[in-house]
Amino acid sequence: MTCRIAPICRLINGQVVWLNVALASCIQSTLDGAVLIDVEVLPGSKRQGIIGFNQWRGKLTVAVRAEARNGMANQAVVHVMATSLSLSTSKMHVVSGAKSRIKKVRIEGVHSDHLIEKITTLVEG
């Protein structure tokens, strides 16, 4: 289920960008400059990608083809998110929820506003 809630406006790199307020709730910046994203994983899916935002859980929904065995789905989540967001897999890893569908993914070297903008584009088309 995707969520379309009133956007907020921010000035990013001199341009006005509309951001999804609900989507921003699943993204947190850390003191060391990294970003944490709350993710709900759908392992064993027919298609892969960032497919939406679960408004009830406040999580980004990521579908992966890999089954949830031996950490294969965790590796797939990192690969799918890195590919979708045009980031390096070396800057991204699962920090909690290794054996759960609900995970927290840490991304280094990117600003949270930039991620919100990219994810909003992916989720809302």
Protein backbone atom coordinates (compact mmCIF):
# COMPACT_ATOMS: atom_id res chain seq x y z
CA MET A 1 0.00 0.00 0.00
CA THR A 2 1.45 3.34 -0.95
CA CYS A 3 0.78 6.54 0.87
CA ARG A 4 0.23 9.96 -0.63
CA ILE A 5 0.28 12.54 2.13
CA ALA A 6 0.65 16.29 1.75
CA PRO A 7 4.23 17.08 0.77
CA ILE A 8 6.48 19.64 2.37
CA CYS A 9 8.75 21.98 0.49
CA ARG A 10 12.52 22.21 1.03
CA LEU A 11 15.29 24.09 -0.69
CA ILE A 12 17.94 21.56 -1.81
CA ASN A 13 20.96 22.70 -3.81
CA GLY A 14 19.19 25.93 -4.71
CA GLN A 15 16.07 24.17 -6.04
CA VAL A 16 12.63 23.88 -4.49
CA VAL A 17 11.84 20.19 -3.87
CA TRP A 18 8.54 18.75 -2.64
CA LEU A 19 9.06 15.91 -0.13
CA ASN A 20 6.58 13.35 1.17
CA VAL A 21 6.10 13.93 4.93
CA ALA A 22 5.11 10.34 5.71
CA LEU A 23 8.06 8.95 3.78
CA ALA A 24 10.43 11.22 5.68
CA SER A 25 9.28 9.58 8.93
CA CYS A 26 11.11 6.32 8.10
CA ILE A 27 14.44 8.08 7.48
CA GLN A 28 16.68 9.30 10.31
CA SER A 29 20.05 11.03 10.23
CA THR A 30 22.73 9.91 12.68
CA LEU A 31 25.26 12.09 14.48
CA ASP A 32 28.11 10.66 12.40
CA GLY A 33 26.44 11.72 9.13
CA ALA A 34 24.94 8.38 8.09
CA VAL A 35 21.26 7.77 7.37
CA LEU A 36 19.05 4.99 8.80
CA ILE A 37 16.03 3.78 6.84
CA ASP A 38 13.26 1.61 8.29
CA VAL A 39 12.45 -1.09 5.73
CA GLU A 40 9.79 -3.78 5.37
CA VAL A 41 11.09 -6.61 3.15
CA LEU A 42 9.00 -8.87 0.92
CA PRO A 43 11.28 -11.89 0.26
CA GLY A 44 10.49 -14.33 -2.54
CA SER A 45 8.76 -11.69 -4.67
CA LYS A 46 8.38 -12.00 -8.43
CA ARG A 47 9.81 -8.51 -8.96
CA GLN A 48 12.50 -6.57 -7.15
CA GLY A 49 12.68 -2.95 -6.15
CA ILE A 50 11.48 -0.23 -3.84
CA ILE A 51 7.77 -0.72 -4.38
CA GLY A 52 6.09 1.58 -1.89
CA PHE A 53 5.67 2.96 1.58
CA ASN A 54 3.61 1.18 4.26
CA GLN A 55 1.83 4.05 5.99
CA TRP A 56 0.63 1.89 8.90
CA ARG A 57 4.08 0.59 9.81
CA GLY A 58 5.95 3.69 8.69
CA LYS A 59 8.35 1.58 6.64
CA LEU A 60 9.71 1.66 3.10
CA THR A 61 8.63 -1.53 1.28
CA VAL A 62 11.36 -3.37 -0.64
CA ALA A 63 10.62 -6.51 -2.68
CA VAL A 64 13.41 -9.02 -3.38
CA ARG A 65 13.46 -12.30 -5.30
CA ALA A 66 15.80 -13.98 -2.81
CA GLU A 67 14.34 -16.25 -0.17
CA ALA A 68 14.90 -15.47 3.50
CA ARG A 69 17.61 -18.11 4.00
CA ASN A 70 21.23 -17.75 5.15
CA GLY A 71 21.15 -13.95 4.85
CA MET A 72 20.41 -14.06 1.12
CA ALA A 73 17.43 -11.69 1.47
CA ASN A 74 19.55 -9.24 3.49
CA GLN A 75 22.17 -9.15 0.74
CA ALA A 76 19.42 -8.73 -1.85
CA VAL A 77 17.90 -5.80 0.09
CA VAL A 78 21.25 -4.01 0.09
CA HIS A 79 21.77 -4.73 -3.62
CA VAL A 80 18.23 -3.66 -4.64
CA MET A 81 18.33 -0.47 -2.58
CA ALA A 82 21.81 0.45 -3.81
CA THR A 83 20.81 -0.12 -7.43
CA SER A 84 17.50 1.75 -7.09
CA LEU A 85 19.13 4.72 -5.35
CA SER A 86 22.28 4.75 -7.54
CA LEU A 87 24.55 4.18 -4.54
CA SER A 88 27.43 1.84 -3.80
CA THR A 89 26.66 -1.38 -1.89
CA SER A 90 29.82 -0.82 0.17
CA LYS A 91 28.19 2.21 1.83
CA MET A 92 25.05 0.32 2.83
CA HIS A 93 24.31 -2.51 5.27
CA VAL A 94 21.55 -3.99 7.44
CA VAL A 95 22.12 -2.95 11.07
CA SER A 96 19.08 -4.58 12.68
CA GLY A 97 16.44 -7.14 11.82
CA ALA A 98 18.75 -9.67 10.17
CA LYS A 99 16.20 -12.44 10.79
CA SER A 100 13.06 -10.34 10.44
CA ARG A 101 11.07 -8.75 7.61
CA ILE A 102 11.38 -5.42 9.43
CA LYS A 103 14.93 -4.09 9.06
CA LYS A 104 16.96 -0.97 9.60
CA VAL A 105 19.42 -0.17 6.80
CA ARG A 106 22.36 2.19 7.34
CA ILE A 107 23.61 4.26 4.41
CA GLU A 108 26.81 6.29 4.61
CA GLY A 109 27.93 9.24 2.53
CA VAL A 110 24.53 10.62 1.51
CA HIS A 111 22.27 13.35 2.93
CA SER A 112 18.78 12.40 4.15
CA ASP A 113 17.06 15.06 2.00
CA HIS A 114 18.70 13.63 -1.11
CA LEU A 115 17.46 10.13 -0.19
CA ILE A 116 13.93 11.36 0.49
CA GLU A 117 13.87 13.05 -2.90
CA LYS A 118 15.08 9.90 -4.72
CA ILE A 119 12.76 7.54 -2.84
CA THR A 120 9.76 9.83 -3.36
CA THR A 121 10.45 9.77 -7.10
CA LEU A 122 10.63 5.95 -7.08
CA VAL A 123 7.53 5.43 -4.94
CA GLU A 124 5.24 8.02 -6.49
CA GLY A 125 6.43 7.57 -10.06
